[in-house]
Amino acid sequence: MNIENLRAFLEVTATGSFQKASENLHITQSTVSARIKALEERLNRELFTRKRDGVALNNGGKAFYPYALSVVKTWQQAQQEVSLPPGVEGIVSLGIPVHYWNKLYSDWLDWMNENAPGIATRIQSDYSVYLLNEMRDGLLDLALMFEPIYSPGLHMEPLFEEPLILVSTEPRNVGTGHTEGYIYIDWGHQFQDQHNREYPDVPHHRITLALESQALEQILERGGSAYLAHSTVQKYLEAGKLFRVEGAREFNLTIYLAVADARRNDPAVLQAIEGLRATRFVGEYGV
């Protein structure tokens, strides 16, 4: 199957427009149309519903999308691995959840550059569920996960455990019901279970955010409270910009390291794991 046809399919899906896809791919609109037509003829079904303001995936296109994405990503990874420069013996790919990107990637890359100069690195950040899919598709060698979801072909073990602390922009005591200005951060099922047990009278939240950084920015600018990671709030507590909510229980968040079984004993992967454990953050919170 022509990889450029798949790229055109993914770009049209992302933009909802043949014209915008052609601009992003730096080819003519007729070329994009021809590539989509060739793909549809190969699959023997249409992939898009044509609308007045553009196009959208139909059921066939939705079913085909994850396979097209996987093929293109696998091709990109293959290109990277076969074109490694002289002196580079192998490559390792690491996925880091968005919550912990800034706390880990720089130290890890520094360690790898210093201690494993013969290993090329590929690193990406995403939500845990998407990193897990990348692991299952063989596109990542190891990744950090918010949940111990055991899957065939993957080995999982705890890497670090960090306290989550309820903080507020004003000194106050913990309440039993809904508190105005409280932001619920989606830390995953571990946090959700602990939060529900501790606050059974608060089944719904007025504001829910996916990222800790968003919640921190919101409460610092507009006031409020949220459960934030200890490593994030420590400097704000010391500066008097945030306050621990008196009487509020700490929750513990365990982050797991997933490693592909096929590469579990690979020297490059073992060095990558050693590098993770050597970072300042894992050194402080590692299990």
C-alpha atoms as a PDB file:
ATOM      1  CA  MET A   1       0.000   0.000   0.000  1.00  0.00           C
ATOM      2  CA  ASN A   2       1.351   3.446  -0.928  1.00  0.00           C
ATOM      3  CA  ILE A   3       2.493   5.277   2.187  1.00  0.00           C
ATOM      4  CA  GLU A   4       1.825   8.671   0.569  1.00  0.00           C
ATOM      5  CA  ASN A   5      -1.805   7.724   0.066  1.00  0.00           C
ATOM      6  CA  LEU A   6      -2.037   7.026   3.791  1.00  0.00           C
ATOM      7  CA  ARG A   7      -0.404  10.367   4.613  1.00  0.00           C
ATOM      8  CA  ALA A   8      -2.981  12.113   2.436  1.00  0.00           C
ATOM      9  CA  PHE A   9      -5.791  10.228   4.179  1.00  0.00           C
ATOM     10  CA  LEU A  10      -4.506  11.251   7.633  1.00  0.00           C
ATOM     11  CA  GLU A  11      -4.057  14.885   6.606  1.00  0.00           C
ATOM     12  CA  VAL A  12      -7.547  15.140   5.107  1.00  0.00           C
ATOM     13  CA  THR A  13      -8.917  13.564   8.289  1.00  0.00           C
ATOM     14  CA  ALA A  14      -7.068  16.083  10.455  1.00  0.00           C
ATOM     15  CA  THR A  15      -8.047  19.168   8.432  1.00  0.00           C
ATOM     16  CA  GLY A  16     -11.468  18.106   7.150  1.00  0.00           C
ATOM     17  CA  SER A  17     -10.522  19.609   3.810  1.00  0.00           C
ATOM     18  CA  PHE A  18      -8.810  18.436   0.617  1.00  0.00           C
ATOM     19  CA  GLN A  19      -7.600  22.001   0.016  1.00  0.00           C
ATOM     20  CA  LYS A  20      -6.055  22.431   3.474  1.00  0.00           C
ATOM     21  CA  ALA A  21      -4.511  18.961   3.251  1.00  0.00           C
ATOM     22  CA  SER A  22      -2.885  19.853  -0.072  1.00  0.00           C
ATOM     23  CA  GLU A  23      -1.443  23.041   1.428  1.00  0.00           C
ATOM     24  CA  ASN A  24      -0.017  21.189   4.444  1.00  0.00           C
ATOM     25  CA  LEU A  25       1.459  18.430   2.263  1.00  0.00           C
ATOM     26  CA  HIS A  26       2.740  20.925  -0.343  1.00  0.00           C
ATOM     27  CA  ILE A  27       1.031  19.141  -3.226  1.00  0.00           C
ATOM     28  CA  THR A  28      -1.909  20.048  -5.456  1.00  0.00           C
ATOM     29  CA  GLN A  29      -5.501  19.412  -4.433  1.00  0.00           C
ATOM     30  CA  SER A  30      -5.941  17.145  -7.454  1.00  0.00           C
ATOM     31  CA  THR A  31      -3.030  15.021  -6.213  1.00  0.00           C
ATOM     32  CA  VAL A  32      -4.673  14.682  -2.795  1.00  0.00           C
ATOM     33  CA  SER A  33      -7.938  13.690  -4.468  1.00  0.00           C
ATOM     34  CA  ALA A  34      -6.146  11.131  -6.629  1.00  0.00           C
ATOM     35  CA  ARG A  35      -4.432   9.596  -3.620  1.00  0.00           C
ATOM     36  CA  ILE A  36      -7.673   9.312  -1.670  1.00  0.00           C
ATOM     37  CA  LYS A  37      -9.407   7.819  -4.716  1.00  0.00           C
ATOM     38  CA  ALA A  38      -6.631   5.238  -5.129  1.00  0.00           C
ATOM     39  CA  LEU A  39      -6.938   4.323  -1.456  1.00  0.00           C
ATOM     40  CA  GLU A  40     -10.718   3.983  -1.659  1.00  0.00           C
ATOM     41  CA  GLU A  41     -10.434   1.831  -4.779  1.00  0.00           C
ATOM     42  CA  ARG A  42      -7.910  -0.411  -3.053  1.00  0.00           C
ATOM     43  CA  LEU A  43     -10.225  -0.800  -0.039  1.00  0.00           C
ATOM     44  CA  ASN A  44     -13.319  -1.003  -2.242  1.00  0.00           C
ATOM     45  CA  ARG A  45     -15.241   1.542  -0.201  1.00  0.00           C
ATOM     46  CA  GLU A  46     -15.444   5.282   0.354  1.00  0.00           C
ATOM     47  CA  LEU A  47     -13.759   6.699   3.427  1.00  0.00           C
ATOM     48  CA  PHE A  48     -15.209  10.212   3.633  1.00  0.00           C
ATOM     49  CA  THR A  49     -18.610  11.819   3.632  1.00  0.00           C
ATOM     50  CA  ARG A  50     -18.537  14.914   1.434  1.00  0.00           C
ATOM     51  CA  LYS A  51     -20.198  17.952   3.021  1.00  0.00           C
ATOM     52  CA  ARG A  52     -20.733  21.537   1.933  1.00  0.00           C
ATOM     53  CA  ASP A  53     -18.028  22.810   4.290  1.00  0.00           C
ATOM     54  CA  GLY A  54     -15.553  19.954   3.824  1.00  0.00           C
ATOM     55  CA  VAL A  55     -15.328  16.237   4.487  1.00  0.00           C
ATOM     56  CA  ALA A  56     -15.628  13.935   7.486  1.00  0.00           C
ATOM     57  CA  LEU A  57     -14.811  10.288   8.056  1.00  0.00           C
ATOM     58  CA  ASN A  58     -17.674   7.879   7.454  1.00  0.00           C
ATOM     59  CA  ASN A  59     -17.916   4.565   9.312  1.00  0.00           C
ATOM     60  CA  GLY A  60     -15.462   2.910   6.963  1.00  0.00           C
ATOM     61  CA  GLY A  61     -12.992   5.762   7.367  1.00  0.00           C
ATOM     62  CA  LYS A  62     -13.308   5.651  11.152  1.00  0.00           C
ATOM     63  CA  ALA A  63     -12.571   1.929  11.136  1.00  0.00           C
ATOM     64  CA  PHE A  64      -9.584   2.399   8.838  1.00  0.00           C
ATOM     65  CA  TYR A  65      -8.070   5.402  10.649  1.00  0.00           C
ATOM     66  CA  PRO A  66      -6.170   3.607  13.488  1.00  0.00           C
ATOM     67  CA  TYR A  67      -4.625   1.180  11.005  1.00  0.00           C
ATOM     68  CA  ALA A  68      -3.490   3.979   8.703  1.00  0.00           C
ATOM     69  CA  LEU A  69      -2.019   5.878  11.655  1.00  0.00           C
ATOM     70  CA  SER A  70      -0.184   2.785  12.879  1.00  0.00           C
ATOM     71  CA  VAL A  71       1.273   2.044   9.429  1.00  0.00           C
ATOM     72  CA  VAL A  72       2.539   5.609   8.948  1.00  0.00           C
ATOM     73  CA  LYS A  73       4.073   5.736  12.438  1.00  0.00           C
ATOM     74  CA  THR A  74       5.716   2.343  11.937  1.00  0.00           C
ATOM     75  CA  TRP A  75       7.139   3.511   8.603  1.00  0.00           C
ATOM     76  CA  GLN A  76       8.516   6.683  10.201  1.00  0.00           C
ATOM     77  CA  GLN A  77      10.111   4.633  12.977  1.00  0.00           C
ATOM     78  CA  ALA A  78      11.623   2.230  10.456  1.00  0.00           C
ATOM     79  CA  GLN A  79      13.075   5.132   8.465  1.00  0.00           C
ATOM     80  CA  GLN A  80      14.655   6.517  11.608  1.00  0.00           C
ATOM     81  CA  GLU A  81      16.162   3.195  12.660  1.00  0.00           C
ATOM     82  CA  VAL A  82      17.663   2.237   9.287  1.00  0.00           C
ATOM     83  CA  SER A  83      19.226   5.675   8.826  1.00  0.00           C
ATOM     84  CA  LEU A  84      21.098   5.877  12.129  1.00  0.00           C
ATOM     85  CA  PRO A  85      24.391   7.766  11.824  1.00  0.00           C
ATOM     86  CA  PRO A  86      27.789   6.018  12.138  1.00  0.00           C
ATOM     87  CA  GLY A  87      28.706   5.171  15.705  1.00  0.00           C
ATOM     88  CA  VAL A  88      25.112   4.756  16.813  1.00  0.00           C
ATOM     89  CA  GLU A  89      24.456   1.155  17.760  1.00  0.00           C
ATOM     90  CA  GLY A  90      20.739   1.231  18.462  1.00  0.00           C
ATOM     91  CA  ILE A  91      17.677   3.298  19.261  1.00  0.00           C
ATOM     92  CA  VAL A  92      15.280   3.407  22.187  1.00  0.00           C
ATOM     93  CA  SER A  93      11.868   5.087  22.270  1.00  0.00           C
ATOM     94  CA  LEU A  94      10.331   6.430  25.491  1.00  0.00           C
ATOM     95  CA  GLY A  95       6.864   7.786  26.210  1.00  0.00           C
ATOM     96  CA  ILE A  96       6.243  10.190  29.112  1.00  0.00           C
ATOM     97  CA  PRO A  97       2.767  11.317  30.289  1.00  0.00           C
ATOM     98  CA  VAL A  98       2.107  15.011  29.784  1.00  0.00           C
ATOM     99  CA  HIS A  99       1.877  15.616  33.554  1.00  0.00           C
ATOM    100  CA  TYR A 100       5.496  14.525  34.013  1.00  0.00           C
ATOM    101  CA  TRP A 101       7.133  15.666  30.781  1.00  0.00           C
ATOM    102  CA  ASN A 102       8.915  18.717  32.195  1.00  0.00           C
ATOM    103  CA  LYS A 103       9.998  16.837  35.312  1.00  0.00           C
ATOM    104  CA  LEU A 104      11.768  13.999  33.507  1.00  0.00           C
ATOM    105  CA  TYR A 105      12.695  14.418  29.870  1.00  0.00           C
ATOM    106  CA  SER A 106      15.579  16.897  30.188  1.00  0.00           C
ATOM    107  CA  ASP A 107      17.444  14.996  32.929  1.00  0.00           C
ATOM    108  CA  TRP A 108      16.885  11.709  31.112  1.00  0.00           C
ATOM    109  CA  LEU A 109      18.227  13.052  27.820  1.00  0.00           C
ATOM    110  CA  ASP A 110      21.251  14.545  29.596  1.00  0.00           C
ATOM    111  CA  TRP A 111      21.993  11.189  31.221  1.00  0.00           C
ATOM    112  CA  MET A 112      21.608   9.284  27.954  1.00  0.00           C
ATOM    113  CA  ASN A 113      23.859  11.738  26.089  1.00  0.00           C
ATOM    114  CA  GLU A 114      26.554  11.388  28.724  1.00  0.00           C
ATOM    115  CA  ASN A 115      26.320   7.690  29.550  1.00  0.00           C
ATOM    116  CA  ALA A 116      24.915   6.097  26.380  1.00  0.00           C
ATOM    117  CA  PRO A 117      26.326   8.095  23.433  1.00  0.00           C
ATOM    118  CA  GLY A 118      25.920   5.093  21.138  1.00  0.00           C
ATOM    119  CA  ILE A 119      22.157   4.983  21.654  1.00  0.00           C
ATOM    120  CA  ALA A 120      19.783   7.171  19.653  1.00  0.00           C
ATOM    121  CA  THR A 121      16.664   8.299  21.498  1.00  0.00           C
ATOM    122  CA  ARG A 122      13.097   8.969  20.447  1.00  0.00           C
ATOM    123  CA  ILE A 123      10.926  10.549  23.100  1.00  0.00           C
ATOM    124  CA  GLN A 124       7.319  11.696  23.049  1.00  0.00           C
ATOM    125  CA  SER A 125       4.698  12.988  25.444  1.00  0.00           C
ATOM    126  CA  ASP A 126       1.019  12.089  25.497  1.00  0.00           C
ATOM    127  CA  TYR A 127      -1.763  10.877  27.761  1.00  0.00           C
ATOM    128  CA  SER A 128      -1.203   7.432  29.286  1.00  0.00           C
ATOM    129  CA  VAL A 129      -3.953   5.742  27.295  1.00  0.00           C
ATOM    130  CA  TYR A 130      -2.371   6.814  24.005  1.00  0.00           C
ATOM    131  CA  LEU A 131       1.098   5.817  25.165  1.00  0.00           C
ATOM    132  CA  LEU A 132      -0.303   2.388  26.023  1.00  0.00           C
ATOM    133  CA  ASN A 133      -1.680   2.059  22.503  1.00  0.00           C
ATOM    134  CA  GLU A 134       1.735   2.988  21.111  1.00  0.00           C
ATOM    135  CA  MET A 135       3.300   0.302  23.300  1.00  0.00           C
ATOM    136  CA  ARG A 136       0.838  -2.303  22.074  1.00  0.00           C
ATOM    137  CA  ASP A 137       1.536  -1.327  18.467  1.00  0.00           C
ATOM    138  CA  GLY A 138       5.266  -1.727  19.010  1.00  0.00           C
ATOM    139  CA  LEU A 139       5.985   1.975  18.453  1.00  0.00           C
ATOM    140  CA  LEU A 140       7.446   2.553  21.930  1.00  0.00           C
ATOM    141  CA  ASP A 141       9.969   0.449  23.831  1.00  0.00           C
ATOM    142  CA  LEU A 142       9.021   1.786  27.247  1.00  0.00           C
ATOM    143  CA  ALA A 143       6.567   4.289  28.667  1.00  0.00           C
ATOM    144  CA  LEU A 144       5.307   5.665  31.968  1.00  0.00           C
ATOM    145  CA  MET A 145       1.725   4.775  32.858  1.00  0.00           C
ATOM    146  CA  PHE A 146      -0.797   6.114  35.346  1.00  0.00           C
ATOM    147  CA  GLU A 147      -2.472   2.721  35.703  1.00  0.00           C
ATOM    148  CA  PRO A 148      -1.033  -0.817  36.098  1.00  0.00           C
ATOM    149  CA  ILE A 149      -2.851  -2.097  33.024  1.00  0.00           C
ATOM    150  CA  TYR A 150      -1.284  -5.454  32.276  1.00  0.00           C
ATOM    151  CA  SER A 151      -1.301  -6.390  28.634  1.00  0.00           C
ATOM    152  CA  PRO A 152       0.195  -9.296  26.669  1.00  0.00           C
ATOM    153  CA  GLY A 153       3.733  -8.487  25.577  1.00  0.00           C
ATOM    154  CA  LEU A 154       4.245  -5.800  28.235  1.00  0.00           C
ATOM    155  CA  HIS A 155       5.997  -5.874  31.605  1.00  0.00           C
ATOM    156  CA  MET A 156       4.919  -3.307  34.214  1.00  0.00           C
ATOM    157  CA  GLU A 157       6.501  -2.293  37.504  1.00  0.00           C
ATOM    158  CA  PRO A 158       6.157   0.719  39.832  1.00  0.00           C
ATOM    159  CA  LEU A 159       8.691   3.455  39.074  1.00  0.00           C
ATOM    160  CA  PHE A 160       7.816   6.266  41.478  1.00  0.00           C
ATOM    161  CA  GLU A 161       5.126   7.363  43.911  1.00  0.00           C
ATOM    162  CA  GLU A 162       4.300  11.003  44.541  1.00  0.00           C
ATOM    163  CA  PRO A 163       1.941  12.626  47.062  1.00  0.00           C
ATOM    164  CA  LEU A 164      -0.931  14.730  45.744  1.00  0.00           C
ATOM    165  CA  ILE A 165      -1.727  17.603  48.080  1.00  0.00           C
ATOM    166  CA  LEU A 166      -4.878  19.703  48.359  1.00  0.00           C
ATOM    167  CA  VAL A 167      -3.759  23.325  48.179  1.00  0.00           C
ATOM    168  CA  SER A 168      -5.587  26.633  48.050  1.00  0.00           C
ATOM    169  CA  THR A 169      -4.777  30.240  47.296  1.00  0.00           C
ATOM    170  CA  GLU A 170      -6.223  31.170  50.693  1.00  0.00           C
ATOM    171  CA  PRO A 171      -5.649  29.486  54.084  1.00  0.00           C
ATOM    172  CA  ARG A 172      -8.661  27.318  54.916  1.00  0.00           C
ATOM    173  CA  ASN A 173      -9.809  24.027  56.395  1.00  0.00           C
ATOM    174  CA  VAL A 174     -11.129  21.096  54.413  1.00  0.00           C
ATOM    175  CA  GLY A 175     -14.888  21.042  53.878  1.00  0.00           C
ATOM    176  CA  THR A 176     -17.284  18.131  53.542  1.00  0.00           C
ATOM    177  CA  GLY A 177     -19.149  19.304  50.458  1.00  0.00           C
ATOM    178  CA  HIS A 178     -18.503  21.217  47.267  1.00  0.00           C
ATOM    179  CA  THR A 179     -16.094  24.123  47.704  1.00  0.00           C
ATOM    180  CA  GLU A 180     -16.324  27.131  45.404  1.00  0.00           C
ATOM    181  CA  GLY A 181     -13.279  27.418  43.175  1.00  0.00           C
ATOM    182  CA  TYR A 182     -12.240  23.782  43.519  1.00  0.00           C
ATOM    183  CA  ILE A 183     -10.761  22.288  40.342  1.00  0.00           C
ATOM    184  CA  TYR A 184     -10.770  18.532  39.883  1.00  0.00           C
ATOM    185  CA  ILE A 185      -7.715  17.300  37.959  1.00  0.00           C
ATOM    186  CA  ASP A 186      -8.009  14.052  36.050  1.00  0.00           C
ATOM    187  CA  TRP A 187      -5.081  12.171  37.568  1.00  0.00           C
ATOM    188  CA  GLY A 188      -6.547   8.827  36.496  1.00  0.00           C
ATOM    189  CA  HIS A 189      -8.449   6.023  38.200  1.00  0.00           C
ATOM    190  CA  GLN A 190      -6.078   5.760  41.183  1.00  0.00           C
ATOM    191  CA  PHE A 191      -6.814   9.326  42.182  1.00  0.00           C
ATOM    192  CA  GLN A 192     -10.497   9.062  41.316  1.00  0.00           C
ATOM    193  CA  ASP A 193     -10.963   6.065  43.622  1.00  0.00           C
ATOM    194  CA  GLN A 194      -9.163   7.734  46.534  1.00  0.00           C
ATOM    195  CA  HIS A 195     -10.996  11.011  45.973  1.00  0.00           C
ATOM    196  CA  ASN A 196     -14.410   9.324  45.865  1.00  0.00           C
ATOM    197  CA  ARG A 197     -13.740   7.438  49.099  1.00  0.00           C
ATOM    198  CA  GLU A 198     -12.547  10.570  50.896  1.00  0.00           C
ATOM    199  CA  TYR A 199     -15.262  12.891  49.542  1.00  0.00           C
ATOM    200  CA  PRO A 200     -18.333  10.709  48.922  1.00  0.00           C
ATOM    201  CA  ASP A 201     -20.663  13.726  49.085  1.00  0.00           C
ATOM    202  CA  VAL A 202     -19.052  15.378  46.042  1.00  0.00           C
ATOM    203  CA  PRO A 203     -19.987  13.116  43.106  1.00  0.00           C
ATOM    204  CA  HIS A 204     -19.692  15.860  40.488  1.00  0.00           C
ATOM    205  CA  HIS A 205     -17.295  18.746  39.977  1.00  0.00           C
ATOM    206  CA  ARG A 206     -18.053  22.123  38.471  1.00  0.00           C
ATOM    207  CA  ILE A 207     -14.604  22.373  36.865  1.00  0.00           C
ATOM    208  CA  THR A 208     -12.561  19.398  35.654  1.00  0.00           C
ATOM    209  CA  LEU A 209      -9.264  19.818  33.834  1.00  0.00           C
ATOM    210  CA  ALA A 210      -7.051  17.235  32.179  1.00  0.00           C
ATOM    211  CA  LEU A 211      -3.722  18.896  32.949  1.00  0.00           C
ATOM    212  CA  GLU A 212      -2.202  19.907  36.255  1.00  0.00           C
ATOM    213  CA  SER A 213      -0.506  22.898  34.593  1.00  0.00           C
ATOM    214  CA  GLN A 214      -3.889  24.235  33.497  1.00  0.00           C
ATOM    215  CA  ALA A 215      -5.321  23.933  36.999  1.00  0.00           C
ATOM    216  CA  LEU A 216      -2.277  25.584  38.578  1.00  0.00           C
ATOM    217  CA  GLU A 217      -2.493  28.526  36.189  1.00  0.00           C
ATOM    218  CA  GLN A 218      -6.230  28.863  36.822  1.00  0.00           C
ATOM    219  CA  ILE A 219      -6.042  28.979  40.619  1.00  0.00           C
ATOM    220  CA  LEU A 220      -2.992  31.260  40.699  1.00  0.00           C
ATOM    221  CA  GLU A 221      -4.768  33.772  38.461  1.00  0.00           C
ATOM    222  CA  ARG A 222      -8.332  33.489  39.766  1.00  0.00           C
ATOM    223  CA  GLY A 223      -8.069  31.799  43.135  1.00  0.00           C
ATOM    224  CA  GLY A 224      -9.295  28.375  44.166  1.00  0.00           C
ATOM    225  CA  SER A 225      -7.976  24.978  45.140  1.00  0.00           C
ATOM    226  CA  ALA A 226      -6.901  21.677  43.615  1.00  0.00           C
ATOM    227  CA  TYR A 227      -5.006  18.490  44.318  1.00  0.00           C
ATOM    228  CA  LEU A 228      -1.531  19.139  42.905  1.00  0.00           C
ATOM    229  CA  ALA A 229       1.651  17.085  42.872  1.00  0.00           C
ATOM    230  CA  HIS A 230       4.087  17.648  45.727  1.00  0.00           C
ATOM    231  CA  SER A 231       6.939  18.392  43.296  1.00  0.00           C
ATOM    232  CA  THR A 232       4.828  21.067  41.611  1.00  0.00           C
ATOM    233  CA  VAL A 233       3.544  22.963  44.638  1.00  0.00           C
ATOM    234  CA  GLN A 234       6.556  22.870  46.933  1.00  0.00           C
ATOM    235  CA  LYS A 235       8.009  26.201  45.722  1.00  0.00           C
ATOM    236  CA  TYR A 236       4.587  27.891  45.832  1.00  0.00           C
ATOM    237  CA  LEU A 237       4.050  26.732  49.419  1.00  0.00           C
ATOM    238  CA  GLU A 238       7.468  28.051  50.432  1.00  0.00           C
ATOM    239  CA  ALA A 239       6.755  31.381  48.717  1.00  0.00           C
ATOM    240  CA  GLY A 240       3.360  31.737  50.425  1.00  0.00           C
ATOM    241  CA  LYS A 241       1.462  31.758  47.127  1.00  0.00           C
ATOM    242  CA  LEU A 242      -0.373  28.538  47.971  1.00  0.00           C
ATOM    243  CA  PHE A 243      -1.440  26.987  51.263  1.00  0.00           C
ATOM    244  CA  ARG A 244      -2.067  23.398  52.271  1.00  0.00           C
ATOM    245  CA  VAL A 245      -5.727  22.913  53.114  1.00  0.00           C
ATOM    246  CA  GLU A 246      -5.853  21.979  56.787  1.00  0.00           C
ATOM    247  CA  GLY A 247      -7.286  18.551  57.489  1.00  0.00           C
ATOM    248  CA  ALA A 248      -7.196  17.423  53.854  1.00  0.00           C
ATOM    249  CA  ARG A 249      -5.893  13.957  53.224  1.00  0.00           C
ATOM    250  CA  GLU A 250      -2.884  13.379  50.973  1.00  0.00           C
ATOM    251  CA  PHE A 251      -3.336  10.945  48.113  1.00  0.00           C
ATOM    252  CA  ASN A 252      -0.527   8.889  46.615  1.00  0.00           C
ATOM    253  CA  LEU A 253      -0.107   8.551  42.873  1.00  0.00           C
ATOM    254  CA  THR A 254       1.960   5.587  41.670  1.00  0.00           C
ATOM    255  CA  ILE A 255       3.424   5.802  38.175  1.00  0.00           C
ATOM    256  CA  TYR A 256       4.316   2.537  36.463  1.00  0.00           C
ATOM    257  CA  LEU A 257       7.024   1.762  33.949  1.00  0.00           C
ATOM    258  CA  ALA A 258       5.852  -0.360  31.017  1.00  0.00           C
ATOM    259  CA  VAL A 259       8.513  -2.181  29.015  1.00  0.00           C
ATOM    260  CA  ALA A 260       8.006  -4.218  25.854  1.00  0.00           C
ATOM    261  CA  ASP A 261       8.814  -7.866  26.654  1.00  0.00           C
ATOM    262  CA  ALA A 262      10.569  -8.231  23.305  1.00  0.00           C
ATOM    263  CA  ARG A 263      13.153  -5.615  24.328  1.00  0.00           C
ATOM    264  CA  ARG A 264      13.176  -6.058  28.077  1.00  0.00           C
ATOM    265  CA  ASN A 265      16.759  -7.378  28.114  1.00  0.00           C
ATOM    266  CA  ASP A 266      18.007  -5.194  25.286  1.00  0.00           C
ATOM    267  CA  PRO A 267      21.115  -3.240  26.415  1.00  0.00           C
ATOM    268  CA  ALA A 268      19.717   0.021  25.019  1.00  0.00           C
ATOM    269  CA  VAL A 269      16.462  -0.371  26.944  1.00  0.00           C
ATOM    270  CA  LEU A 270      18.301  -1.354  30.134  1.00  0.00           C
ATOM    271  CA  GLN A 271      20.383   1.814  29.828  1.00  0.00           C
ATOM    272  CA  ALA A 272      17.247   3.879  29.234  1.00  0.00           C
ATOM    273  CA  ILE A 273      15.706   2.483  32.434  1.00  0.00           C
ATOM    274  CA  GLU A 274      18.908   3.166  34.343  1.00  0.00           C
ATOM    275  CA  GLY A 275      18.785   6.715  33.036  1.00  0.00           C
ATOM    276  CA  LEU A 276      15.198   7.157  34.238  1.00  0.00           C
ATOM    277  CA  ARG A 277      16.105   5.953  37.715  1.00  0.00           C
ATOM    278  CA  ALA A 278      19.063   8.365  37.728  1.00  0.00           C
ATOM    279  CA  THR A 279      16.921  11.476  37.142  1.00  0.00           C
ATOM    280  CA  ARG A 280      16.567  13.862  40.060  1.00  0.00           C
ATOM    281  CA  PHE A 281      12.816  13.407  40.139  1.00  0.00           C
ATOM    282  CA  VAL A 282      12.815   9.603  40.297  1.00  0.00           C
ATOM    283  CA  GLY A 283      15.711   9.794  42.721  1.00  0.00           C
ATOM    284  CA  GLU A 284      13.441  11.703  45.118  1.00  0.00           C
ATOM    285  CA  TYR A 285      10.161   9.866  44.544  1.00  0.00           C
ATOM    286  CA  GLY A 286      11.301   6.473  43.202  1.00  0.00           C
ATOM    287  CA  VAL A 287       9.978   3.257  44.748  1.00  0.00           C
END
